[in-house]
Amino acid sequence: MLISFPSAGISLRSTLAIVALLAAGCAGVAPQPAPPSGPPPGPYTQPASAASAAPPPNVNLQGFPLEYRTGYLDGCASASGAEKKDTTRFRYDGQYRTGWQDGNSICKKQR
């Protein structure tokens, strides 16, 4: 069945073909950037300073948020000497505070 538009002189089939060609012309592939070297940064990537202070070997912090892990490491470091605590984060960041308290408590028991 062919539907035509008498006033324009264009058939429906021609109109669809023009629309398809226009849509195909707009669909381009953008060049992809080169992949970064190393793992991509994520919300739970440890900063270099936190990575250097390792927790006791029998504690697995994988899967915990970065804020908790940072607090845990600071709390654990505080258990063996001078207190290491970001007081602003401890006051306002519940993940950091909980991590610090857990790290301090557990590391005191293990020493």
PDB file of N, CA and C in Angstrom:
ATOM      1  N   MET A   1       0.849  -1.174   0.000  1.00  0.00           N
ATOM      2  CA  MET A   1       0.000   0.000   0.000  1.00  0.00           C
ATOM      3  C   MET A   1       0.890   1.230   0.000  1.00  0.00           C
ATOM      4  N   LEU A   2       0.672   2.091  -0.936  1.00  0.00           N
ATOM      5  CA  LEU A   2       1.489   3.282  -1.092  1.00  0.00           C
ATOM      6  C   LEU A   2       0.629   4.498  -0.771  1.00  0.00           C
ATOM      7  N   ILE A   3       1.094   5.259   0.204  1.00  0.00           N
ATOM      8  CA  ILE A   3       0.380   6.484   0.573  1.00  0.00           C
ATOM      9  C   ILE A   3       1.189   7.641   0.024  1.00  0.00           C
ATOM     10  N   SER A   4       0.528   8.510  -0.678  1.00  0.00           N
ATOM     11  CA  SER A   4       1.249   9.650  -1.234  1.00  0.00           C
ATOM     12  C   SER A   4       0.621  10.947  -0.759  1.00  0.00           C
ATOM     13  N   PHE A   5       1.430  11.953  -0.802  1.00  0.00           N
ATOM     14  CA  PHE A   5       0.988  13.286  -0.436  1.00  0.00           C
ATOM     15  C   PHE A   5       0.866  14.092  -1.723  1.00  0.00           C
ATOM     16  N   PRO A   6      -0.354  14.250  -2.223  1.00  0.00           N
ATOM     17  CA  PRO A   6      -0.532  14.888  -3.522  1.00  0.00           C
ATOM     18  C   PRO A   6      -0.010  16.316  -3.566  1.00  0.00           C
ATOM     19  N   SER A   7      -0.143  17.055  -2.492  1.00  0.00           N
ATOM     20  CA  SER A   7       0.271  18.454  -2.548  1.00  0.00           C
ATOM     21  C   SER A   7       1.793  18.587  -2.591  1.00  0.00           C
ATOM     22  N   ALA A   8       2.503  17.672  -1.945  1.00  0.00           N
ATOM     23  CA  ALA A   8       3.955  17.773  -1.925  1.00  0.00           C
ATOM     24  C   ALA A   8       4.590  16.939  -3.014  1.00  0.00           C
ATOM     25  N   GLY A   9       3.911  15.984  -3.531  1.00  0.00           N
ATOM     26  CA  GLY A   9       4.446  15.144  -4.582  1.00  0.00           C
ATOM     27  C   GLY A   9       5.466  14.132  -4.061  1.00  0.00           C
ATOM     28  N   ILE A  10       5.484  13.846  -2.763  1.00  0.00           N
ATOM     29  CA  ILE A  10       6.437  12.921  -2.160  1.00  0.00           C
ATOM     30  C   ILE A  10       5.659  11.771  -1.539  1.00  0.00           C
ATOM     31  N   SER A  11       6.081  10.563  -1.789  1.00  0.00           N
ATOM     32  CA  SER A  11       5.405   9.400  -1.210  1.00  0.00           C
ATOM     33  C   SER A  11       5.899   9.169   0.212  1.00  0.00           C
ATOM     34  N   LEU A  12       5.161   8.390   0.961  1.00  0.00           N
ATOM     35  CA  LEU A  12       5.546   8.053   2.334  1.00  0.00           C
ATOM     36  C   LEU A  12       6.853   7.280   2.327  1.00  0.00           C
ATOM     37  N   ARG A  13       7.025   6.426   1.351  1.00  0.00           N
ATOM     38  CA  ARG A  13       8.252   5.635   1.259  1.00  0.00           C
ATOM     39  C   ARG A  13       9.458   6.553   1.057  1.00  0.00           C
ATOM     40  N   SER A  14       9.336   7.551   0.243  1.00  0.00           N
ATOM     41  CA  SER A  14      10.432   8.494   0.012  1.00  0.00           C
ATOM     42  C   SER A  14      10.726   9.297   1.268  1.00  0.00           C
ATOM     43  N   THR A  15       9.674   9.681   1.973  1.00  0.00           N
ATOM     44  CA  THR A  15       9.852  10.440   3.211  1.00  0.00           C
ATOM     45  C   THR A  15      10.593   9.610   4.243  1.00  0.00           C
ATOM     46  N   LEU A  16      10.213   8.344   4.376  1.00  0.00           N
ATOM     47  CA  LEU A  16      10.883   7.466   5.332  1.00  0.00           C
ATOM     48  C   LEU A  16      12.342   7.245   4.944  1.00  0.00           C
ATOM     49  N   ALA A  17      12.605   7.116   3.654  1.00  0.00           N
ATOM     50  CA  ALA A  17      13.978   6.922   3.195  1.00  0.00           C
ATOM     51  C   ALA A  17      14.828   8.143   3.515  1.00  0.00           C
ATOM     52  N   ILE A  18      14.293   9.323   3.353  1.00  0.00           N
ATOM     53  CA  ILE A  18      15.036  10.550   3.652  1.00  0.00           C
ATOM     54  C   ILE A  18      15.314  10.644   5.153  1.00  0.00           C
ATOM     55  N   VAL A  19      14.312  10.328   5.958  1.00  0.00           N
ATOM     56  CA  VAL A  19      14.489  10.362   7.413  1.00  0.00           C
ATOM     57  C   VAL A  19      15.547   9.348   7.839  1.00  0.00           C
ATOM     58  N   ALA A  20      15.531   8.147   7.261  1.00  0.00           N
ATOM     59  CA  ALA A  20      16.516   7.124   7.600  1.00  0.00           C
ATOM     60  C   ALA A  20      17.924   7.571   7.223  1.00  0.00           C
ATOM     61  N   LEU A  21      18.081   8.189   6.058  1.00  0.00           N
ATOM     62  CA  LEU A  21      19.393   8.668   5.639  1.00  0.00           C
ATOM     63  C   LEU A  21      19.909   9.781   6.553  1.00  0.00           C
ATOM     64  N   LEU A  22      19.011  10.665   6.956  1.00  0.00           N
ATOM     65  CA  LEU A  22      19.415  11.730   7.874  1.00  0.00           C
ATOM     66  C   LEU A  22      19.842  11.162   9.227  1.00  0.00           C
ATOM     67  N   ALA A  23      19.087  10.196   9.724  1.00  0.00           N
ATOM     68  CA  ALA A  23      19.424   9.585  11.011  1.00  0.00           C
ATOM     69  C   ALA A  23      20.746   8.838  10.926  1.00  0.00           C
ATOM     70  N   ALA A  24      20.996   8.146   9.830  1.00  0.00           N
ATOM     71  CA  ALA A  24      22.248   7.407   9.663  1.00  0.00           C
ATOM     72  C   ALA A  24      23.430   8.361   9.570  1.00  0.00           C
ATOM     73  N   GLY A  25      23.228   9.499   8.964  1.00  0.00           N
ATOM     74  CA  GLY A  25      24.307  10.477   8.849  1.00  0.00           C
ATOM     75  C   GLY A  25      24.670  11.099  10.178  1.00  0.00           C
ATOM     76  N   CYS A  26      23.724  11.159  11.099  1.00  0.00           N
ATOM     77  CA  CYS A  26      23.974  11.751  12.409  1.00  0.00           C
ATOM     78  C   CYS A  26      24.636  10.769  13.357  1.00  0.00           C
ATOM     79  N   ALA A  27      24.540   9.490  13.069  1.00  0.00           N
ATOM     80  CA  ALA A  27      25.074   8.473  13.978  1.00  0.00           C
ATOM     81  C   ALA A  27      26.541   8.243  13.667  1.00  0.00           C
ATOM     82  N   GLY A  28      27.400   8.962  14.325  1.00  0.00           N
ATOM     83  CA  GLY A  28      28.836   8.809  14.142  1.00  0.00           C
ATOM     84  C   GLY A  28      29.445   8.183  15.380  1.00  0.00           C
ATOM     85  N   VAL A  29      30.642   7.714  15.266  1.00  0.00           N
ATOM     86  CA  VAL A  29      31.349   7.136  16.395  1.00  0.00           C
ATOM     87  C   VAL A  29      32.439   8.106  16.813  1.00  0.00           C
ATOM     88  N   ALA A  30      32.376   8.514  18.066  1.00  0.00           N
ATOM     89  CA  ALA A  30      33.368   9.442  18.589  1.00  0.00           C
ATOM     90  C   ALA A  30      34.667   8.688  18.845  1.00  0.00           C
ATOM     91  N   PRO A  31      35.805   9.331  18.639  1.00  0.00           N
ATOM     92  CA  PRO A  31      37.074   8.648  18.920  1.00  0.00           C
ATOM     93  C   PRO A  31      37.190   8.376  20.412  1.00  0.00           C
ATOM     94  N   GLN A  32      37.709   7.214  20.737  1.00  0.00           N
ATOM     95  CA  GLN A  32      37.857   6.801  22.130  1.00  0.00           C
ATOM     96  C   GLN A  32      39.212   7.269  22.661  1.00  0.00           C
ATOM     97  N   PRO A  33      39.252   7.810  23.891  1.00  0.00           N
ATOM     98  CA  PRO A  33      40.531   8.206  24.469  1.00  0.00           C
ATOM     99  C   PRO A  33      41.355   6.967  24.806  1.00  0.00           C
ATOM    100  N   ALA A  34      42.648   7.140  24.889  1.00  0.00           N
ATOM    101  CA  ALA A  34      43.536   6.032  25.241  1.00  0.00           C
ATOM    102  C   ALA A  34      43.237   5.582  26.669  1.00  0.00           C
ATOM    103  N   PRO A  35      43.270   4.285  26.932  1.00  0.00           N
ATOM    104  CA  PRO A  35      42.996   3.813  28.289  1.00  0.00           C
ATOM    105  C   PRO A  35      44.097   4.278  29.238  1.00  0.00           C
ATOM    106  N   PRO A  36      43.716   4.638  30.470  1.00  0.00           N
ATOM    107  CA  PRO A  36      44.722   5.109  31.426  1.00  0.00           C
ATOM    108  C   PRO A  36      45.602   3.947  31.873  1.00  0.00           C
ATOM    109  N   SER A  37      46.819   4.270  32.231  1.00  0.00           N
ATOM    110  CA  SER A  37      47.694   3.232  32.759  1.00  0.00           C
ATOM    111  C   SER A  37      47.390   3.066  34.241  1.00  0.00           C
ATOM    112  N   GLY A  38      47.280   1.850  34.672  1.00  0.00           N
ATOM    113  CA  GLY A  38      46.971   1.559  36.062  1.00  0.00           C
ATOM    114  C   GLY A  38      45.478   1.495  36.274  1.00  0.00           C
ATOM    115  N   PRO A  39      45.055   1.204  37.497  1.00  0.00           N
ATOM    116  CA  PRO A  39      43.627   1.081  37.773  1.00  0.00           C
ATOM    117  C   PRO A  39      42.949   2.446  37.747  1.00  0.00           C
ATOM    118  N   PRO A  40      41.691   2.487  37.321  1.00  0.00           N
ATOM    119  CA  PRO A  40      40.987   3.772  37.298  1.00  0.00           C
ATOM    120  C   PRO A  40      40.704   4.237  38.719  1.00  0.00           C
ATOM    121  N   PRO A  41      40.714   5.552  38.932  1.00  0.00           N
ATOM    122  CA  PRO A  41      40.395   6.042  40.269  1.00  0.00           C
ATOM    123  C   PRO A  41      38.928   5.788  40.576  1.00  0.00           C
ATOM    124  N   GLY A  42      38.645   5.439  41.789  1.00  0.00           N
ATOM    125  CA  GLY A  42      37.279   5.159  42.189  1.00  0.00           C
ATOM    126  C   GLY A  42      36.971   5.846  43.499  1.00  0.00           C
ATOM    127  N   PRO A  43      35.744   5.734  43.953  1.00  0.00           N
ATOM    128  CA  PRO A  43      35.370   6.409  45.190  1.00  0.00           C
ATOM    129  C   PRO A  43      36.061   5.835  46.412  1.00  0.00           C
ATOM    130  N   TYR A  44      36.593   4.598  46.299  1.00  0.00           N
ATOM    131  CA  TYR A  44      37.220   3.971  47.455  1.00  0.00           C
ATOM    132  C   TYR A  44      38.714   3.750  47.252  1.00  0.00           C
ATOM    133  N   THR A  45      39.324   4.560  46.400  1.00  0.00           N
ATOM    134  CA  THR A  45      40.753   4.451  46.168  1.00  0.00           C
ATOM    135  C   THR A  45      41.489   5.099  47.320  1.00  0.00           C
ATOM    136  N   GLN A  46      42.460   4.392  47.881  1.00  0.00           N
ATOM    137  CA  GLN A  46      43.209   4.931  49.003  1.00  0.00           C
ATOM    138  C   GLN A  46      44.229   5.949  48.526  1.00  0.00           C
ATOM    139  N   PRO A  47      44.381   7.056  49.229  1.00  0.00           N
ATOM    140  CA  PRO A  47      45.458   7.970  48.905  1.00  0.00           C
ATOM    141  C   PRO A  47      46.797   7.322  49.269  1.00  0.00           C
ATOM    142  N   ALA A  48      47.884   7.851  48.720  1.00  0.00           N
ATOM    143  CA  ALA A  48      49.205   7.262  48.944  1.00  0.00           C
ATOM    144  C   ALA A  48      49.549   7.196  50.423  1.00  0.00           C
ATOM    145  N   SER A  49      49.177   8.211  51.204  1.00  0.00           N
ATOM    146  CA  SER A  49      49.514   8.214  52.625  1.00  0.00           C
ATOM    147  C   SER A  49      48.788   7.103  53.378  1.00  0.00           C
ATOM    148  N   ALA A  50      47.539   6.819  53.003  1.00  0.00           N
ATOM    149  CA  ALA A  50      46.785   5.762  53.683  1.00  0.00           C
ATOM    150  C   ALA A  50      47.282   4.395  53.262  1.00  0.00           C
ATOM    151  N   ALA A  51      47.758   4.271  52.029  1.00  0.00           N
ATOM    152  CA  ALA A  51      48.227   2.983  51.542  1.00  0.00           C
ATOM    153  C   ALA A  51      49.530   2.585  52.229  1.00  0.00           C
ATOM    154  N   SER A  52      50.340   3.567  52.631  1.00  0.00           N
ATOM    155  CA  SER A  52      51.619   3.252  53.247  1.00  0.00           C
ATOM    156  C   SER A  52      51.462   2.746  54.672  1.00  0.00           C
ATOM    157  N   ALA A  53      50.418   3.166  55.386  1.00  0.00           N
ATOM    158  CA  ALA A  53      50.181   2.714  56.747  1.00  0.00           C
ATOM    159  C   ALA A  53      49.248   1.510  56.700  1.00  0.00           C
ATOM    160  N   ALA A  54      49.819   0.342  56.739  1.00  0.00           N
ATOM    161  CA  ALA A  54      49.017  -0.874  56.604  1.00  0.00           C
ATOM    162  C   ALA A  54      48.417  -1.277  57.946  1.00  0.00           C
ATOM    163  N   PRO A  55      47.198  -1.802  57.923  1.00  0.00           N
ATOM    164  CA  PRO A  55      46.598  -2.296  59.161  1.00  0.00           C
ATOM    165  C   PRO A  55      47.277  -3.598  59.561  1.00  0.00           C
ATOM    166  N   PRO A  56      47.001  -4.099  60.738  1.00  0.00           N
ATOM    167  CA  PRO A  56      47.555  -5.386  61.135  1.00  0.00           C
ATOM    168  C   PRO A  56      47.227  -6.443  60.086  1.00  0.00           C
ATOM    169  N   PRO A  57      48.087  -7.436  59.899  1.00  0.00           N
ATOM    170  CA  PRO A  57      47.918  -8.385  58.808  1.00  0.00           C
ATOM    171  C   PRO A  57      46.619  -9.185  58.839  1.00  0.00           C
ATOM    172  N   ASN A  58      46.002  -9.371  59.966  1.00  0.00           N
ATOM    173  CA  ASN A  58      44.787 -10.181  60.021  1.00  0.00           C
ATOM    174  C   ASN A  58      43.510  -9.364  59.882  1.00  0.00           C
ATOM    175  N   VAL A  59      43.607  -8.104  59.449  1.00  0.00           N
ATOM    176  CA  VAL A  59      42.434  -7.255  59.274  1.00  0.00           C
ATOM    177  C   VAL A  59      42.254  -6.977  57.783  1.00  0.00           C
ATOM    178  N   ASN A  60      41.080  -7.309  57.261  1.00  0.00           N
ATOM    179  CA  ASN A  60      40.774  -7.082  55.853  1.00  0.00           C
ATOM    180  C   ASN A  60      39.792  -5.919  55.755  1.00  0.00           C
ATOM    181  N   LEU A  61      40.231  -4.804  55.203  1.00  0.00           N
ATOM    182  CA  LEU A  61      39.381  -3.621  55.081  1.00  0.00           C
ATOM    183  C   LEU A  61      38.785  -3.483  53.686  1.00  0.00           C
ATOM    184  N   GLN A  62      38.983  -4.493  52.849  1.00  0.00           N
ATOM    185  CA  GLN A  62      38.458  -4.434  51.489  1.00  0.00           C
ATOM    186  C   GLN A  62      36.933  -4.391  51.540  1.00  0.00           C
ATOM    187  N   GLY A  63      36.347  -3.505  50.752  1.00  0.00           N
ATOM    188  CA  GLY A  63      34.897  -3.374  50.706  1.00  0.00           C
ATOM    189  C   GLY A  63      34.358  -2.264  51.599  1.00  0.00           C
ATOM    190  N   PHE A  64      35.184  -1.752  52.504  1.00  0.00           N
ATOM    191  CA  PHE A  64      34.748  -0.640  53.343  1.00  0.00           C
ATOM    192  C   PHE A  64      34.976   0.665  52.605  1.00  0.00           C
ATOM    193  N   PRO A  65      34.171   1.688  52.891  1.00  0.00           N
ATOM    194  CA  PRO A  65      34.366   2.993  52.241  1.00  0.00           C
ATOM    195  C   PRO A  65      35.726   3.592  52.604  1.00  0.00           C
ATOM    196  N   LEU A  66      36.236   4.434  51.726  1.00  0.00           N
ATOM    197  CA  LEU A  66      37.532   5.076  51.933  1.00  0.00           C
ATOM    198  C   LEU A  66      37.577   5.834  53.259  1.00  0.00           C
ATOM    199  N   GLU A  67      36.510   6.516  53.606  1.00  0.00           N
ATOM    200  CA  GLU A  67      36.479   7.301  54.839  1.00  0.00           C
ATOM    201  C   GLU A  67      36.679   6.397  56.053  1.00  0.00           C
ATOM    202  N   TYR A  68      36.015   5.230  56.041  1.00  0.00           N
ATOM    203  CA  TYR A  68      36.147   4.279  57.151  1.00  0.00           C
ATOM    204  C   TYR A  68      37.575   3.759  57.223  1.00  0.00           C
ATOM    205  N   ARG A  69      38.132   3.365  56.067  1.00  0.00           N
ATOM    206  CA  ARG A  69      39.490   2.808  56.050  1.00  0.00           C
ATOM    207  C   ARG A  69      40.515   3.836  56.531  1.00  0.00           C
ATOM    208  N   THR A  70      40.348   5.086  56.086  1.00  0.00           N
ATOM    209  CA  THR A  70      41.269   6.131  56.522  1.00  0.00           C
ATOM    210  C   THR A  70      41.181   6.321  58.032  1.00  0.00           C
ATOM    211  N   GLY A  71      39.960   6.361  58.560  1.00  0.00           N
ATOM    212  CA  GLY A  71      39.777   6.473  60.010  1.00  0.00           C
ATOM    213  C   GLY A  71      40.359   5.291  60.751  1.00  0.00           C
ATOM    214  N   TYR A  72      40.163   4.095  60.207  1.00  0.00           N
ATOM    215  CA  TYR A  72      40.685   2.881  60.836  1.00  0.00           C
ATOM    216  C   TYR A  72      42.207   2.946  60.925  1.00  0.00           C
ATOM    217  N   LEU A  73      42.844   3.327  59.822  1.00  0.00           N
ATOM    218  CA  LEU A  73      44.304   3.409  59.809  1.00  0.00           C
ATOM    219  C   LEU A  73      44.820   4.470  60.781  1.00  0.00           C
ATOM    220  N   ASP A  74      44.135   5.614  60.843  1.00  0.00           N
ATOM    221  CA  ASP A  74      44.540   6.658  61.792  1.00  0.00           C
ATOM    222  C   ASP A  74      44.340   6.184  63.232  1.00  0.00           C
ATOM    223  N   GLY A  75      43.235   5.524  63.499  1.00  0.00           N
ATOM    224  CA  GLY A  75      42.968   5.019  64.852  1.00  0.00           C
ATOM    225  C   GLY A  75      43.963   3.959  65.255  1.00  0.00           C
ATOM    226  N   CYS A  76      44.302   3.089  64.325  1.00  0.00           N
ATOM    227  CA  CYS A  76      45.267   2.029  64.609  1.00  0.00           C
ATOM    228  C   CYS A  76      46.646   2.633  64.864  1.00  0.00           C
ATOM    229  N   ALA A  77      47.018   3.629  64.076  1.00  0.00           N
ATOM    230  CA  ALA A  77      48.310   4.297  64.289  1.00  0.00           C
ATOM    231  C   ALA A  77      48.328   5.000  65.640  1.00  0.00           C
ATOM    232  N   SER A  78      47.184   5.465  66.100  1.00  0.00           N
ATOM    233  CA  SER A  78      47.106   6.158  67.392  1.00  0.00           C
ATOM    234  C   SER A  78      47.239   5.197  68.564  1.00  0.00           C
ATOM    235  N   ALA A  79      46.966   3.939  68.347  1.00  0.00           N
ATOM    236  CA  ALA A  79      47.006   2.963  69.439  1.00  0.00           C
ATOM    237  C   ALA A  79      48.421   2.708  69.923  1.00  0.00           C
ATOM    238  N   SER A  80      49.416   2.971  69.098  1.00  0.00           N
ATOM    239  CA  SER A  80      50.790   2.645  69.486  1.00  0.00           C
ATOM    240  C   SER A  80      51.635   3.867  69.820  1.00  0.00           C
ATOM    241  N   GLY A  81      51.049   5.014  69.878  1.00  0.00           N
ATOM    242  CA  GLY A  81      51.863   6.191  70.183  1.00  0.00           C
ATOM    243  C   GLY A  81      51.037   7.456  70.156  1.00  0.00           C
ATOM    244  N   ALA A  82      51.597   8.483  69.519  1.00  0.00           N
ATOM    245  CA  ALA A  82      50.925   9.778  69.449  1.00  0.00           C
ATOM    246  C   ALA A  82      49.616   9.656  68.671  1.00  0.00           C
ATOM    247  N   GLU A  83      48.625  10.391  69.132  1.00  0.00           N
ATOM    248  CA  GLU A  83      47.308  10.319  68.488  1.00  0.00           C
ATOM    249  C   GLU A  83      47.351  10.917  67.091  1.00  0.00           C
ATOM    250  N   LYS A  84      46.878  10.139  66.139  1.00  0.00           N
ATOM    251  CA  LYS A  84      46.767  10.603  64.756  1.00  0.00           C
ATOM    252  C   LYS A  84      45.279  10.650  64.443  1.00  0.00           C
ATOM    253  N   LYS A  85      44.732  11.859  64.365  1.00  0.00           N
ATOM    254  CA  LYS A  85      43.289  12.009  64.153  1.00  0.00           C
ATOM    255  C   LYS A  85      43.021  13.316  63.435  1.00  0.00           C
ATOM    256  N   ASP A  86      42.189  13.261  62.409  1.00  0.00           N
ATOM    257  CA  ASP A  86      41.708  14.462  61.739  1.00  0.00           C
ATOM    258  C   ASP A  86      40.467  14.894  62.525  1.00  0.00           C
ATOM    259  N   THR A  87      40.622  15.872  63.411  1.00  0.00           N
ATOM    260  CA  THR A  87      39.542  16.218  64.336  1.00  0.00           C
ATOM    261  C   THR A  87      38.290  16.729  63.640  1.00  0.00           C
ATOM    262  N   THR A  88      38.458  17.450  62.525  1.00  0.00           N
ATOM    263  CA  THR A  88      37.283  17.936  61.793  1.00  0.00           C
ATOM    264  C   THR A  88      36.518  16.773  61.197  1.00  0.00           C
ATOM    265  N   ARG A  89      37.225  15.855  60.560  1.00  0.00           N
ATOM    266  CA  ARG A  89      36.560  14.672  59.980  1.00  0.00           C
ATOM    267  C   ARG A  89      35.949  13.810  61.079  1.00  0.00           C
ATOM    268  N   PHE A  90      36.659  13.669  62.208  1.00  0.00           N
ATOM    269  CA  PHE A  90      36.153  12.860  63.312  1.00  0.00           C
ATOM    270  C   PHE A  90      34.822  13.412  63.817  1.00  0.00           C
ATOM    271  N   ARG A  91      34.705  14.735  63.835  1.00  0.00           N
ATOM    272  CA  ARG A  91      33.491  15.376  64.334  1.00  0.00           C
ATOM    273  C   ARG A  91      32.323  15.254  63.348  1.00  0.00           C
ATOM    274  N   TYR A  92      32.586  15.419  62.060  1.00  0.00           N
ATOM    275  CA  TYR A  92      31.502  15.527  61.086  1.00  0.00           C
ATOM    276  C   TYR A  92      31.322  14.318  60.162  1.00  0.00           C
ATOM    277  N   ASP A  93      32.288  13.431  60.077  1.00  0.00           N
ATOM    278  CA  ASP A  93      32.210  12.295  59.163  1.00  0.00           C
ATOM    279  C   ASP A  93      32.036  11.007  59.971  1.00  0.00           C
ATOM    280  N   GLY A  94      30.831  10.480  59.959  1.00  0.00           N
ATOM    281  CA  GLY A  94      30.525   9.280  60.750  1.00  0.00           C
ATOM    282  C   GLY A  94      31.335   8.063  60.326  1.00  0.00           C
ATOM    283  N   GLN A  95      31.605   7.916  59.026  1.00  0.00           N
ATOM    284  CA  GLN A  95      32.399   6.781  58.555  1.00  0.00           C
ATOM    285  C   GLN A  95      33.829   6.870  59.106  1.00  0.00           C
ATOM    286  N   TYR A  96      34.424   8.045  59.030  1.00  0.00           N
ATOM    287  CA  TYR A  96      35.780   8.237  59.548  1.00  0.00           C
ATOM    288  C   TYR A  96      35.810   7.979  61.049  1.00  0.00           C
ATOM    289  N   ARG A  97      34.829   8.540  61.773  1.00  0.00           N
ATOM    290  CA  ARG A  97      34.781   8.399  63.228  1.00  0.00           C
ATOM    291  C   ARG A  97      34.655   6.932  63.638  1.00  0.00           C
ATOM    292  N   THR A  98      33.742   6.211  62.992  1.00  0.00           N
ATOM    293  CA  THR A  98      33.552   4.796  63.313  1.00  0.00           C
ATOM    294  C   THR A  98      34.808   3.995  62.988  1.00  0.00           C
ATOM    295  N   GLY A  99      35.422   4.283  61.836  1.00  0.00           N
ATOM    296  CA  GLY A  99      36.665   3.597  61.468  1.00  0.00           C
ATOM    297  C   GLY A  99      37.775   3.884  62.465  1.00  0.00           C
ATOM    298  N   TRP A 100      37.893   5.142  62.895  1.00  0.00           N
ATOM    299  CA  TRP A 100      38.936   5.510  63.849  1.00  0.00           C
ATOM    300  C   TRP A 100      38.726   4.767  65.164  1.00  0.00           C
ATOM    301  N   GLN A 101      37.495   4.756  65.654  1.00  0.00           N
ATOM    302  CA  GLN A 101      37.206   4.086  66.923  1.00  0.00           C
ATOM    303  C   GLN A 101      37.462   2.578  66.828  1.00  0.00           C
ATOM    304  N   ASP A 102      37.040   1.976  65.718  1.00  0.00           N
ATOM    305  CA  ASP A 102      37.268   0.536  65.536  1.00  0.00           C
ATOM    306  C   ASP A 102      38.764   0.234  65.442  1.00  0.00           C
ATOM    307  N   GLY A 103      39.472   1.009  64.632  1.00  0.00           N
ATOM    308  CA  GLY A 103      40.908   0.783  64.472  1.00  0.00           C
ATOM    309  C   GLY A 103      41.668   0.962  65.761  1.00  0.00           C
ATOM    310  N   ASN A 104      41.336   1.983  66.512  1.00  0.00           N
ATOM    311  CA  ASN A 104      42.012   2.253  67.782  1.00  0.00           C
ATOM    312  C   ASN A 104      41.749   1.134  68.771  1.00  0.00           C
ATOM    313  N   SER A 105      40.509   0.700  68.863  1.00  0.00           N
ATOM    314  CA  SER A 105      40.135  -0.342  69.808  1.00  0.00           C
ATOM    315  C   SER A 105      40.783  -1.682  69.462  1.00  0.00           C
ATOM    316  N   ILE A 106      40.679  -2.078  68.220  1.00  0.00           N
ATOM    317  CA  ILE A 106      41.210  -3.381  67.798  1.00  0.00           C
ATOM    318  C   ILE A 106      42.737  -3.406  67.898  1.00  0.00           C
ATOM    319  N   CYS A 107      43.388  -2.342  67.478  1.00  0.00           N
ATOM    320  CA  CYS A 107      44.847  -2.332  67.519  1.00  0.00           C
ATOM    321  C   CYS A 107      45.386  -2.264  68.949  1.00  0.00           C
ATOM    322  N   LYS A 108      44.655  -1.653  69.861  1.00  0.00           N
ATOM    323  CA  LYS A 108      45.075  -1.646  71.271  1.00  0.00           C
ATOM    324  C   LYS A 108      45.012  -3.057  71.831  1.00  0.00           C
ATOM    325  N   LYS A 109      43.998  -3.814  71.453  1.00  0.00           N
ATOM    326  CA  LYS A 109      43.855  -5.200  71.948  1.00  0.00           C
ATOM    327  C   LYS A 109      44.956  -6.101  71.398  1.00  0.00           C
ATOM    328  N   GLN A 110      45.418  -5.830  70.182  1.00  0.00           N
ATOM    329  CA  GLN A 110      46.412  -6.693  69.547  1.00  0.00           C
ATOM    330  C   GLN A 110      47.841  -6.372  69.972  1.00  0.00           C
ATOM    331  N   ARG A 111      48.051  -5.284  70.651  1.00  0.00           N
ATOM    332  CA  ARG A 111      49.417  -4.902  71.039  1.00  0.00           C
ATOM    333  C   ARG A 111      49.734  -5.336  72.429  1.00  0.00           C
TER     334      ARG A 111
END
